[in-house]
Protein backbone atom coordinates (compact mmCIF):
# COMPACT_ATOMS: atom_id res chain seq x y z
CA MET A 1 -33.93 -9.87 2.93
CA HIS A 2 -31.48 -11.98 4.68
CA GLY A 3 -33.00 -13.23 7.80
CA ILE A 4 -31.44 -13.86 10.83
CA ILE A 5 -27.93 -14.64 10.76
CA LYS A 6 -26.03 -16.12 12.97
CA ASN A 7 -21.72 -16.36 13.37
CA LYS A 8 -21.23 -19.98 15.41
CA GLY A 9 -17.67 -21.10 15.52
CA PHE A 10 -15.05 -20.27 13.17
CA HIS A 11 -15.65 -17.21 11.23
CA TYR A 12 -15.10 -16.77 7.11
CA GLY A 13 -13.58 -13.82 7.54
CA TYR A 14 -10.21 -15.17 8.33
CA VAL A 15 -10.67 -17.10 4.72
CA ILE A 16 -11.20 -13.36 3.59
CA VAL A 17 -8.11 -11.90 5.38
CA PHE A 18 -6.04 -15.21 3.88
CA CYS A 19 -7.29 -14.04 0.55
CA CYS A 20 -6.12 -10.07 1.35
CA VAL A 21 -2.88 -11.15 2.76
CA LEU A 22 -1.78 -13.85 -0.49
CA ILE A 23 -3.41 -10.84 -2.94
CA MET A 24 -0.65 -8.53 -1.51
CA ALA A 25 2.30 -11.31 -1.12
CA ILE A 26 2.32 -12.36 -4.07
CA ASN A 27 0.50 -9.57 -6.67
CA VAL A 28 1.49 -6.67 -5.20
CA GLY A 29 4.87 -7.92 -3.98
CA LEU A 30 5.92 -9.57 -6.97
CA VAL A 31 4.50 -6.29 -9.07
CA THR A 32 5.97 -3.64 -6.91
CA SER A 33 8.36 -4.96 -4.37
CA CYS A 34 10.58 -6.37 -6.67
CA ALA A 35 10.08 -4.13 -9.89
CA GLY A 36 13.50 -3.19 -8.93
CA ILE A 37 15.64 -6.23 -9.59
CA PHE A 38 14.81 -6.50 -13.26
CA TYR A 39 15.74 -2.74 -13.96
CA LYS A 40 19.30 -3.30 -15.08
CA PRO A 41 19.62 -6.88 -16.60
CA VAL A 42 16.39 -5.54 -18.77
CA SER A 43 17.86 -2.10 -19.25
CA GLU A 44 21.28 -3.49 -20.47
CA GLU A 45 19.39 -6.39 -23.10
CA LEU A 46 17.06 -3.34 -24.14
CA GLY A 47 19.88 -1.16 -25.16
CA VAL A 48 18.40 2.12 -22.32
CA THR A 49 18.43 3.44 -19.22
CA VAL A 50 17.54 2.71 -15.78
CA GLY A 51 15.86 5.99 -16.19
CA ASN A 52 14.04 5.20 -19.13
CA LEU A 53 12.76 1.55 -18.08
CA GLY A 54 11.75 2.83 -14.72
CA LEU A 55 9.97 5.51 -16.56
CA TYR A 56 7.19 2.82 -16.34
CA MET A 57 6.51 2.93 -12.88
CA SER A 58 5.41 6.66 -13.20
CA PHE A 59 3.02 5.41 -16.17
CA ASN A 60 2.13 2.73 -13.08
CA PHE A 61 0.88 5.29 -10.92
CA LEU A 62 -0.52 7.52 -13.36
CA PHE A 63 -3.09 4.70 -14.39
CA SER A 64 -4.00 3.46 -10.92
CA ALA A 65 -4.88 6.91 -9.93
CA LEU A 66 -7.21 7.61 -13.18
CA THR A 67 -8.39 4.52 -12.03
CA LEU A 68 -9.49 4.89 -8.96
CA PHE A 69 -11.93 7.66 -10.20
CA VAL A 70 -14.29 5.01 -11.05
CA ALA A 71 -12.46 1.77 -9.61
CA GLY A 72 -14.83 2.70 -6.00
CA ARG A 73 -17.81 3.40 -7.73
CA MET A 74 -17.45 -0.05 -9.59
CA ILE A 75 -16.91 -2.12 -6.50
CA GLU A 76 -19.97 -1.00 -4.79
CA ARG A 77 -22.27 -1.70 -8.20
CA PHE A 78 -20.49 -4.98 -9.26
CA SER A 79 -19.22 -7.93 -7.46
CA ILE A 80 -15.40 -7.09 -6.04
CA ARG A 81 -15.10 -11.14 -5.96
CA LEU A 82 -15.57 -10.84 -9.64
CA LEU A 83 -13.48 -7.88 -10.30
CA LEU A 84 -10.50 -9.05 -8.12
CA SER A 85 -10.37 -12.24 -10.08
CA VAL A 86 -10.14 -10.32 -13.23
CA SER A 87 -7.63 -8.02 -12.16
CA SER A 88 -5.08 -10.89 -11.29
CA LEU A 89 -5.92 -12.80 -13.99
CA VAL A 90 -5.06 -9.57 -16.33
CA MET A 91 -2.06 -9.16 -14.41
CA GLY A 92 -0.73 -12.89 -15.01
CA GLY A 93 -1.31 -12.60 -18.00
CA CYS A 94 0.42 -9.24 -18.39
CA LEU A 95 3.84 -10.57 -16.29
CA ILE A 96 4.44 -13.67 -18.92
CA SER A 97 3.70 -11.24 -21.99
CA MET A 98 6.57 -9.17 -20.62
CA ALA A 99 8.76 -12.32 -20.51
CA PHE A 100 8.67 -11.11 -24.81
CA PHE A 101 8.84 -7.86 -24.65
CA ASN A 102 11.75 -6.07 -27.14
CA SER A 103 10.91 -2.64 -26.56
CA VAL A 104 10.57 0.04 -23.67
CA TRP A 105 7.45 1.19 -25.16
CA GLN A 106 6.05 -2.28 -24.45
CA PHE A 107 7.00 -2.06 -20.64
CA TYR A 108 5.39 1.73 -20.52
CA VAL A 109 1.61 0.01 -22.23
CA VAL A 110 1.55 -3.01 -20.16
CA ALA A 111 3.62 -2.69 -16.85
CA GLY A 112 2.83 0.90 -16.88
CA GLY A 113 -1.07 1.35 -17.96
CA VAL A 114 -2.53 -2.11 -18.25
CA ILE A 115 -1.02 -3.17 -14.67
CA GLY A 116 -1.17 -0.16 -13.16
CA ILE A 117 -5.60 -0.59 -13.94
CA THR A 118 -5.13 -3.86 -12.05
CA LEU A 119 -3.53 -2.34 -8.96
CA SER A 120 -6.05 0.45 -8.40
CA PHE A 121 -7.87 -2.76 -7.56
CA LEU A 122 -5.54 -5.31 -6.07
CA LEU A 123 -3.23 -2.65 -3.89
CA TYR A 124 -5.34 0.00 -3.37
CA LEU A 125 -8.78 -1.02 -3.06
CA SER A 126 -8.68 -4.97 -2.02
CA PHE A 127 -8.14 -5.08 1.44
CA PRO A 128 -9.62 -1.91 2.84
CA VAL A 129 -13.24 -2.67 1.39
CA LEU A 130 -12.90 -6.33 2.51
CA ILE A 131 -11.83 -6.05 5.97
CA ASN A 132 -14.25 -2.88 6.31
CA ARG A 133 -17.53 -5.09 4.34
CA TRP A 134 -16.33 -8.37 6.60
CA PHE A 135 -15.17 -7.33 10.06
CA ASN A 136 -16.90 -4.90 12.76
CA VAL A 137 -13.98 -5.34 15.10
CA ARG A 138 -9.63 -5.34 15.15
CA VAL A 139 -10.21 -3.40 11.79
CA GLY A 140 -7.18 -1.89 12.24
CA PHE A 141 -5.08 -5.24 13.13
CA PHE A 142 -6.49 -7.16 9.88
CA ILE A 143 -5.89 -3.93 7.61
CA GLY A 144 -2.32 -4.02 9.04
CA ILE A 145 -1.66 -7.74 8.36
CA CYS A 146 -2.72 -7.04 5.01
CA SER A 147 -0.85 -3.78 4.49
CA ALA A 148 2.40 -5.64 6.03
CA ALA A 149 2.29 -8.85 3.69
CA ALA A 150 3.24 -6.72 0.88
CA SER A 151 6.10 -6.05 2.41
CA ILE A 152 6.64 -9.53 3.40
CA GLY A 153 6.37 -10.70 -0.23
CA GLY A 154 9.29 -8.32 -1.34
CA ILE A 155 11.47 -9.68 1.32
CA LEU A 156 10.35 -13.46 0.26
CA PHE A 157 10.31 -12.58 -3.49
CA ASN A 158 13.09 -10.19 -4.11
CA PRO A 159 16.28 -12.22 -3.30
CA LEU A 160 14.46 -16.00 -5.02
CA GLY A 161 13.75 -13.57 -8.20
CA ALA A 162 17.14 -12.19 -8.17
CA TYR A 163 18.41 -15.82 -8.05
CA TRP A 164 16.15 -16.63 -10.93
CA ILE A 165 17.40 -13.65 -12.90
CA THR A 166 20.55 -14.95 -12.36
CA GLU A 167 20.22 -18.60 -13.61
CA TYR A 168 17.74 -18.41 -16.29
CA GLY A 169 17.27 -15.00 -17.40
CA TRP A 170 15.07 -11.70 -16.46
CA ARG A 171 12.54 -13.21 -19.32
CA ILE A 172 11.58 -16.89 -17.69
CA THR A 173 11.75 -15.21 -14.20
CA TYR A 174 8.93 -12.85 -15.21
CA GLY A 175 7.23 -15.83 -16.96
CA ILE A 176 7.57 -17.56 -13.69
CA PHE A 177 6.44 -14.42 -11.41
CA GLY A 178 3.15 -14.57 -14.18
CA THR A 179 2.60 -18.12 -13.79
CA ILE A 180 2.49 -18.06 -9.80
CA VAL A 181 -0.19 -15.32 -10.04
CA LEU A 182 -2.09 -17.23 -12.33
CA LEU A 183 -2.31 -20.90 -10.63
CA VAL A 184 -1.87 -19.84 -7.38
CA VAL A 185 -3.86 -16.03 -6.08
CA THR A 186 -6.60 -16.20 -9.22
CA PRO A 187 -8.08 -19.12 -8.89
CA VAL A 188 -7.85 -19.24 -4.67
CA ILE A 189 -9.70 -15.16 -5.12
CA TRP A 190 -11.77 -16.92 -7.08
CA PHE A 191 -13.21 -19.91 -5.10
CA LEU A 192 -12.89 -18.76 -1.59
CA LEU A 193 -13.83 -14.76 -2.13
CA ARG A 194 -16.86 -13.60 -0.93
CA ASP A 195 -18.61 -10.04 -1.68
CA TYR A 196 -20.50 -9.77 1.85
CA PRO A 197 -21.07 -12.34 4.98
CA GLU A 198 -23.99 -12.52 4.11
CA ASP A 199 -22.66 -14.14 1.32
CA LYS A 200 -22.24 -17.40 3.51
CA GLY A 201 -25.27 -16.90 5.78
CA LEU A 202 -23.10 -14.73 8.50
CA GLN A 203 -22.91 -11.28 10.04
CA PRO A 204 -19.61 -9.04 9.93
CA TYR A 205 -16.94 -10.40 12.53
CA GLY A 206 -17.69 -8.50 16.06
CA ALA A 207 -21.48 -7.78 15.16
CA ASP A 208 -23.68 -7.58 18.00
CA LEU A 209 -25.31 -10.70 18.16
CA THR A 210 -29.02 -10.07 19.04
CA GLY A 211 -30.82 -12.61 16.54
CA LYS A 212 -32.28 -9.46 15.04
CA GLU A 213 -31.42 -8.86 10.81
CA VAL A 214 -28.30 -7.22 10.07
CA GLN A 215 -28.13 -3.05 10.24
CA PRO A 216 -27.27 -1.44 7.57
CA LYS A 217 -23.66 0.29 7.82
CA GLU A 218 -23.23 3.72 9.15
CA GLY A 219 -21.33 6.57 7.81
CA ILE A 220 -21.86 9.36 5.63
CA GLU A 221 -22.99 9.52 2.25
CA TYR A 222 -20.80 10.04 -0.49
CA ALA A 223 -22.58 12.77 -1.92
CA LYS A 224 -22.12 14.37 1.21
CA ALA A 225 -18.40 13.66 1.99
CA ILE A 226 -17.15 14.99 -0.80
CA ARG A 227 -18.68 18.18 0.12
CA MET A 228 -16.93 18.30 3.76
CA PRO A 229 -13.74 19.64 4.20
CA GLU A 230 -12.50 16.38 6.07
CA PHE A 231 -12.73 15.00 3.67
CA TYR A 232 -9.89 17.39 1.08
CA GLY A 233 -8.17 17.59 4.38
CA LEU A 234 -7.73 13.61 4.51
CA ILE A 235 -6.33 13.77 0.66
CA LEU A 236 -3.68 16.49 1.64
CA PHE A 237 -3.17 14.15 4.70
CA ALA A 238 -2.52 11.35 2.29
CA PHE A 239 -0.14 12.85 -0.18
CA MET A 240 2.05 14.39 2.20
CA MET A 241 2.68 11.00 4.29
CA ILE A 242 3.33 9.51 0.54
CA LEU A 243 5.55 12.17 -0.04
CA VAL A 244 7.71 11.28 3.19
CA SER A 245 7.00 7.49 2.57
CA THR A 246 8.95 7.74 -0.97
CA LEU A 247 11.68 8.60 0.30
CA HIS A 248 12.83 5.64 1.62
CA LEU A 249 14.14 5.43 -1.99
CA LEU A 250 16.80 7.43 -1.52
CA ILE A 251 18.55 5.98 1.63
CA PRO A 252 20.74 3.83 0.00
CA VAL A 253 22.52 7.05 -1.96
CA TYR A 254 22.18 9.09 1.46
CA VAL A 255 24.05 6.41 3.77
CA THR A 256 26.70 6.20 1.11
CA LYS A 257 27.26 10.02 1.15
CA LEU A 258 27.94 9.67 4.82
CA ASP A 259 31.01 7.71 4.06
CA PHE A 260 29.48 4.35 5.17
CA SER A 261 29.39 1.49 2.91
CA LEU A 262 27.04 0.01 0.48
CA GLU A 263 26.53 -2.77 2.66
CA VAL A 264 25.37 -0.56 5.80
CA ALA A 265 23.73 1.03 2.92
CA GLY A 266 21.45 -2.34 2.27
CA PHE A 267 20.86 -2.72 6.02
CA VAL A 268 19.76 0.28 6.91
CA ALA A 269 16.78 0.11 3.71
CA ALA A 270 16.12 -3.35 5.53
CA GLY A 271 15.64 -1.51 8.53
CA VAL A 272 13.14 0.22 7.25
CA MET A 273 11.29 -2.44 5.64
CA ALA A 274 11.42 -3.64 9.07
CA GLY A 275 9.98 -0.95 10.73
CA GLY A 276 7.39 -0.77 7.53
CA THR A 277 6.71 -4.28 8.93
CA LEU A 278 5.98 -3.94 12.21
CA GLY A 279 4.29 -0.76 12.27
CA LYS A 280 1.59 -1.66 9.73
CA ILE A 281 0.96 -4.00 12.24
CA ALA A 282 1.20 -2.28 15.23
CA LEU A 283 -0.32 0.74 13.85
CA GLY A 284 -3.40 -1.45 13.28
CA ILE A 285 -4.08 -2.33 16.71
CA ILE A 286 -3.14 1.20 18.28
CA ASN A 287 -5.62 2.38 15.66
CA ASP A 288 -8.20 0.13 17.15
CA ARG A 289 -8.27 1.61 20.81
CA ASN A 290 -6.83 5.24 19.36
CA ASN A 291 -6.94 7.20 16.23
CA LYS A 292 -5.16 9.86 17.78
CA LEU A 293 -2.60 7.70 19.36
CA GLY A 294 -1.89 6.40 15.79
CA ILE A 295 -1.07 9.76 14.39
CA LEU A 296 1.23 10.74 17.27
CA THR A 297 2.94 7.45 16.60
CA SER A 298 3.50 7.15 12.85
CA SER A 299 4.21 10.81 12.42
CA GLY A 300 6.36 11.01 15.48
CA LEU A 301 8.51 8.37 15.33
CA GLY A 302 9.12 9.08 11.75
CA VAL A 303 9.97 12.64 12.60
CA VAL A 304 12.82 11.00 15.40
CA GLY A 305 13.67 8.99 12.56
CA PHE A 306 14.80 11.63 10.01
CA PHE A 307 16.71 13.77 13.22
CA LEU A 308 18.60 10.18 13.79
CA TRP A 309 19.45 10.22 10.37
CA LEU A 310 20.60 14.09 10.31
CA ASN A 311 22.81 13.27 13.53
CA GLY A 312 24.66 10.36 11.31
CA HIS A 313 27.65 12.54 10.20
CA PHE A 314 28.55 12.68 14.76
CA ALA A 315 26.50 9.58 16.36
CA GLY A 316 27.23 7.26 13.10
CA LEU A 317 25.82 3.61 12.64
CA TRP A 318 23.53 3.57 15.55
CA SER A 319 21.78 6.69 14.35
CA VAL A 320 21.44 5.78 10.83
CA VAL A 321 20.33 1.87 11.70
CA ALA A 322 17.84 3.20 14.41
CA GLY A 323 16.66 6.09 12.06
CA GLY A 324 15.46 4.04 9.05
CA PHE A 325 13.20 1.71 11.73
CA LEU A 326 11.67 4.54 12.69
CA PHE A 327 10.87 6.39 9.39
CA GLY A 328 9.78 2.72 8.66
CA TRP A 329 6.98 3.61 11.32
CA ALA A 330 6.21 7.11 9.29
CA TYR A 331 6.25 4.79 6.29
CA ALA A 332 3.84 1.90 7.55
CA GLY A 333 1.27 5.33 8.99
CA THR A 334 0.76 6.06 5.10
CA THR A 335 -1.41 3.60 4.34
CA VAL A 336 -2.71 2.22 7.40
CA GLN A 337 -3.43 5.59 8.81
CA THR A 338 -5.28 6.63 5.99
CA MET A 339 -7.62 4.00 5.89
CA MET A 340 -8.36 3.98 9.68
CA LEU A 341 -8.90 7.81 9.35
CA VAL A 342 -11.30 7.55 6.36
CA ARG A 343 -13.34 4.76 8.81
CA THR A 344 -13.41 6.86 11.66
CA VAL A 345 -14.50 9.98 9.91
CA PHE A 346 -16.91 9.29 7.85
CA GLY A 347 -17.83 5.23 8.71
CA SER A 348 -18.39 1.89 6.61
CA LYS A 349 -21.72 2.93 4.58
CA ASN A 350 -20.01 4.48 1.47
CA TYR A 351 -16.05 3.40 2.11
CA ALA A 352 -15.56 1.98 -1.04
CA GLN A 353 -16.68 5.16 -2.77
CA ILE A 354 -14.86 7.78 -0.46
CA TYR A 355 -11.82 5.77 0.05
CA SER A 356 -11.19 5.42 -3.50
CA LYS A 357 -11.43 9.27 -3.94
CA VAL A 358 -8.76 9.56 -0.96
CA SER A 359 -6.27 7.13 -2.07
CA ILE A 360 -6.09 8.78 -5.58
CA ALA A 361 -3.63 10.48 -3.36
CA LEU A 362 -1.16 7.87 -2.79
CA PRO A 363 -0.19 7.06 -6.75
CA CYS A 364 -0.14 11.08 -7.18
CA GLY A 365 2.19 10.97 -4.83
CA GLY A 366 4.37 8.16 -6.32
CA ILE A 367 4.41 9.66 -9.47
CA LEU A 368 6.75 12.81 -7.76
CA ALA A 369 8.61 10.39 -6.40
CA ALA A 370 11.53 10.57 -9.07
CA ALA A 371 11.38 14.67 -8.17
CA GLU A 372 12.53 13.98 -4.50
CA GLY A 373 16.13 13.02 -6.18
CA LEU A 374 16.16 15.40 -8.58
CA LEU A 375 15.56 18.14 -5.31
CA ALA A 376 17.84 16.13 -2.92
CA ASP A 377 20.47 16.79 -5.88
CA LYS A 378 19.71 20.24 -5.87
CA ILE A 379 19.52 21.68 -1.98
CA GLY A 380 21.17 18.65 -0.46
CA TYR A 381 19.67 15.64 1.45
CA ALA A 382 19.31 17.45 4.61
CA SER A 383 17.12 20.23 2.99
CA VAL A 384 14.86 17.56 2.34
CA PHE A 385 15.18 15.50 5.50
CA GLY A 386 13.91 18.73 6.75
CA LEU A 387 10.85 19.27 4.19
CA ALA A 388 9.60 16.21 5.54
CA ILE A 389 9.49 16.92 8.78
CA VAL A 390 7.82 19.84 8.26
CA LEU A 391 5.12 17.04 6.17
CA LEU A 392 4.81 14.73 8.76
CA LEU A 393 3.84 17.58 11.67
CA LEU A 394 1.54 19.45 9.27
CA SER A 395 -0.21 15.81 7.86
CA ALA A 396 0.04 15.17 12.41
CA CYS A 397 -2.40 18.52 12.15
CA ILE A 398 -4.63 17.84 9.46
CA GLY A 399 -5.20 14.39 11.11
CA PHE A 400 -6.35 16.09 14.67
CA PHE A 401 -8.46 18.15 12.66
CA VAL A 402 -10.69 15.64 10.97
CA LEU A 403 -11.16 13.87 14.37
CA ARG A 404 -11.94 16.98 15.99
CA LYS A 405 -15.70 16.01 16.19
CA LYS A 406 -17.89 12.61 15.12
CA PHE A 407 -20.05 12.93 12.17
CA TYR A 408 -22.21 10.39 12.34
């Protein structure tokens, strides 16, 4: 029993948002957004192809997916503060250890397996669960902010990491990355993060201040949710969206095939990141007001983006740049839209367990990212983009299906 809990003045929920932003910008930004800058120097020194080295990312997705089967239950049973602190500590140690690797199998085991396990907590569950616990209003906005932080981290650390690799080598750069995680993020999580508002004598931000005890979170029990068609519909929604979003890896090749320079291709890729960053924040705000409008925005702008790319031969540079920016909104919808739909359909009661199972679709889709390039080589980029348009339209239909009525 927590007695009468009141919110006065500055709400500690903002500190929770700060912790989540730090996790996404640094832990996730360094490990996922900056992985590519190491491929060439590491593969050359180890004497393997870039493709063989990059295979560790497939193991990363695989182990994240496997861990998500139990991670949601662990977060409900144990302290999320402890789980995230340990995950950050392990991740930092892994990054430092990578500075001493001499064989590609070591990357498969540590960068793929162990870091993949930590990402199931740090990337897929950290801020969705914490924002859900600490906020009753503006949930979408704060989810958008936290989600966008990973892209911002990539924007900041990619050029900085590339400079360190050039000046000091990839081994020292891995050591620097690991030290940043250990000395900056891990202590902040341990000392500032709290599991629930009640731990600070508060109600969730936006709760009705009636002077009564905090009421239990509303929502559907996990055991009931997994028997509902909407649960599997959301898994399919997330899987389709991640298949579309991973096509951003093919953008540089496609743009150069349109006879544009590599510099232009890089500019288009940056446009995707800009659209994704803005889109994550905007979609969070939109979903706070209307989930259906959020679906229409992310899927609709993504479809327009693909059409602009397909028209790039005729319309020229403006078409591919604008297409990249609009595609970024579909890229953003993969995470933000999925998180908000799970909350709207199933509520807050067993959110961690339910979302952890739905989010398994995200790393599973990531595992198939390499196959998209092979498919594009076989049937052409235009055909792959056409299939992506179909997937976006189908995902929108599924989104509307799961929202057709309120279940609690």
